[in-house]
Protein backbone atom coordinates (compact mmCIF):
# COMPACT_ATOMS: atom_id res chain seq x y z
CA UNK A 1 10.76 -13.91 0.83
CA UNK A 2 9.28 -15.55 3.91
CA UNK A 3 6.22 -13.34 3.76
CA UNK A 4 5.57 -14.44 0.16
CA UNK A 5 5.43 -18.06 1.29
CA UNK A 6 3.20 -17.12 4.20
CA UNK A 7 0.83 -15.16 1.95
CA UNK A 8 0.75 -18.02 -0.54
CA UNK A 9 -0.04 -20.52 2.22
CA UNK A 10 -2.79 -18.35 3.69
CA UNK A 11 -4.37 -17.78 0.27
CA UNK A 12 -4.46 -21.52 -0.40
CA UNK A 13 -5.85 -22.20 3.07
CA UNK A 14 -8.63 -19.69 2.35
CA UNK A 15 -9.31 -21.57 -0.88
CA UNK A 16 -9.64 -24.85 1.04
CA UNK A 17 -11.90 -23.18 3.60
CA UNK A 18 -14.16 -21.88 0.83
CA UNK A 19 -14.47 -25.45 -0.40
CA UNK A 20 -15.34 -26.54 3.14
CA UNK A 21 -17.90 -23.75 3.43
CA UNK A 22 -19.56 -24.90 0.24
CA UNK A 23 -19.81 -28.43 1.59
CA UNK A 24 -20.86 -27.69 5.16
CA UNK A 25 -22.75 -24.36 5.09
CA UNK A 26 -21.21 -23.60 8.49
CA UNK A 27 -20.78 -19.90 9.25
CA UNK A 28 -17.82 -20.62 11.54
CA UNK A 29 -15.79 -21.26 8.40
CA UNK A 30 -16.47 -17.66 7.30
CA UNK A 31 -15.10 -16.44 10.61
CA UNK A 32 -11.91 -18.41 10.02
CA UNK A 33 -11.57 -17.00 6.49
CA UNK A 34 -12.12 -13.48 7.77
CA UNK A 35 -9.45 -14.02 10.45
CA UNK A 36 -7.00 -15.20 7.78
CA UNK A 37 -7.76 -12.23 5.52
CA UNK A 38 -7.17 -9.88 8.46
CA UNK A 39 -3.78 -11.58 8.93
CA UNK A 40 -3.05 -11.05 5.23
CA UNK A 41 -3.77 -7.34 5.60
CA UNK A 42 -1.36 -7.15 8.55
CA UNK A 43 1.33 -8.85 6.49
CA UNK A 44 0.65 -6.54 3.53
CA UNK A 45 0.82 -3.45 5.76
CA UNK A 46 4.11 -4.62 7.27
CA UNK A 47 5.50 -5.06 3.76
CA UNK A 48 4.01 -1.87 2.30
CA UNK A 49 1.94 -3.71 -0.30
CA UNK A 50 -1.08 -1.52 -0.95
CA UNK A 51 -1.95 -3.76 -3.90
CA UNK A 52 -2.32 -6.81 -1.67
CA UNK A 53 -4.32 -4.79 0.86
CA UNK A 54 -6.75 -3.68 -1.88
CA UNK A 55 -7.17 -7.21 -3.17
CA UNK A 56 -7.82 -8.58 0.31
CA UNK A 57 -10.35 -5.81 0.95
CA UNK A 58 -12.08 -7.03 -2.22
CA UNK A 59 -12.03 -10.57 -0.86
CA UNK A 60 -13.42 -9.39 2.47
CA UNK A 61 -16.16 -7.58 0.55
CA UNK A 62 -17.20 -10.92 -0.95
CA UNK A 63 -17.18 -12.47 2.51
CA UNK A 64 -19.45 -9.66 3.71
CA UNK A 65 -21.88 -10.44 0.88
CA UNK A 66 -22.02 -14.08 1.89
CA UNK A 67 -22.72 -12.93 5.45
CA UNK A 68 -25.63 -10.79 4.20
CA UNK A 69 -23.80 -7.54 4.95
CA UNK A 70 -24.27 -5.48 1.78
CA UNK A 71 -23.37 -2.17 3.48
CA UNK A 72 -20.10 -3.61 4.79
CA UNK A 73 -19.28 -5.04 1.36
CA UNK A 74 -19.70 -1.58 -0.20
CA UNK A 75 -17.65 0.04 2.58
CA UNK A 76 -14.77 -2.39 2.03
CA UNK A 77 -14.77 -1.66 -1.71
CA UNK A 78 -14.76 2.07 -0.94
CA UNK A 79 -11.72 1.52 1.30
CA UNK A 80 -9.96 -0.26 -1.56
CA UNK A 81 -10.76 2.62 -3.94
CA UNK A 82 -9.49 5.19 -1.42
CA UNK A 83 -6.26 3.26 -0.85
CA UNK A 84 -5.68 2.90 -4.60
CA UNK A 85 -6.29 6.65 -5.04
CA UNK A 86 -3.85 7.45 -2.23
CA UNK A 87 -1.13 5.42 -3.96
CA UNK A 88 -1.98 6.71 -7.46
CA UNK A 89 -2.77 3.20 -8.61
CA UNK A 90 -5.21 4.03 -11.37
CA UNK A 91 -5.64 0.43 -12.50
CA UNK A 92 -6.66 -0.68 -8.98
CA UNK A 93 -8.83 2.38 -8.50
CA UNK A 94 -10.68 1.59 -11.73
CA UNK A 95 -11.03 -2.10 -10.82
CA UNK A 96 -12.55 -1.46 -7.41
CA UNK A 97 -14.76 1.37 -8.63
CA UNK A 98 -16.16 -1.03 -11.23
CA UNK A 99 -16.72 -3.72 -8.58
CA UNK A 100 -18.47 -1.17 -6.36
CA UNK A 101 -20.67 0.07 -9.22
CA UNK A 102 -21.57 -3.52 -10.14
CA UNK A 103 -22.52 -4.23 -6.53
CA UNK A 104 -24.65 -1.08 -6.34
CA UNK A 105 -26.47 -2.19 -9.50
CA UNK A 106 -27.00 -5.63 -7.97
CA UNK A 107 -28.05 -4.29 -4.56
CA UNK A 108 -31.73 -5.00 -5.22
CA UNK A 109 -30.85 -8.57 -6.15
CA UNK A 110 -28.68 -8.96 -3.02
CA UNK A 111 -31.37 -7.42 -0.84
CA UNK A 112 -33.90 -9.94 -2.12
CA UNK A 113 -31.39 -12.74 -1.67
CA UNK A 114 -30.59 -11.60 1.84
CA UNK A 115 -34.25 -11.80 2.82
CA UNK A 116 -34.40 -15.46 1.83
CA UNK A 117 -32.49 -18.18 3.58
CA UNK A 118 -30.32 -19.19 0.64
CA UNK A 119 -27.60 -21.74 1.11
CA UNK A 120 -24.02 -20.57 1.51
CA UNK A 121 -23.11 -22.21 -1.78
CA UNK A 122 -25.64 -20.02 -3.62
CA UNK A 123 -24.34 -16.89 -1.94
CA UNK A 124 -20.78 -17.92 -2.75
CA UNK A 125 -21.73 -18.37 -6.38
CA UNK A 126 -23.52 -15.02 -6.50
CA UNK A 127 -20.53 -13.23 -4.97
CA UNK A 128 -17.97 -14.96 -7.24
CA UNK A 129 -15.72 -15.30 -4.19
CA UNK A 130 -14.04 -18.47 -5.41
CA UNK A 131 -13.11 -16.94 -8.75
CA UNK A 132 -11.94 -13.77 -7.03
CA UNK A 133 -9.65 -15.73 -4.72
CA UNK A 134 -8.32 -17.77 -7.65
CA UNK A 135 -7.48 -14.51 -9.44
CA UNK A 136 -5.54 -13.31 -6.38
CA UNK A 137 -3.66 -16.62 -6.24
CA UNK A 138 -2.80 -16.35 -9.94
CA UNK A 139 -1.43 -12.82 -9.65
CA UNK A 140 0.00 -13.12 -6.13
CA UNK A 141 3.61 -12.56 -7.19
CA UNK A 142 2.64 -9.17 -8.61
CA UNK A 143 0.86 -8.25 -5.37
CA UNK A 144 4.12 -7.85 -3.50
CA UNK A 145 5.06 -4.77 -5.46
CA UNK A 146 4.56 -1.42 -3.82
């Protein structure tokens, strides 16, 4: 039960940090969010929650997009697909395959965006990171299932 509270707190802190990132455009905030997501993966691994791991990999993929790291974003989505396959989670496998395919289709758009010096807020909007995190927060109680 303690880890549920911890996960909930970290997810909400990430949400606040995304708001700060939008306001400040400071890349250090992304580092903090990435650190927190790494902590979430540790917690999920310790509690055998492959679902939470997959969702956080998806969140980290969005972070990678904001950091102009398209290849890393795709790699993280591939990791989520592989983990879902390993645990026979067909719903998750389908979800992350669709996200990966969507990103591949948008790769030209992201490549053009990466070349320009767009504001963090624009990259955040393009990646849908805020909506993705809100979806995780909404379904968080279901993420603790194996």
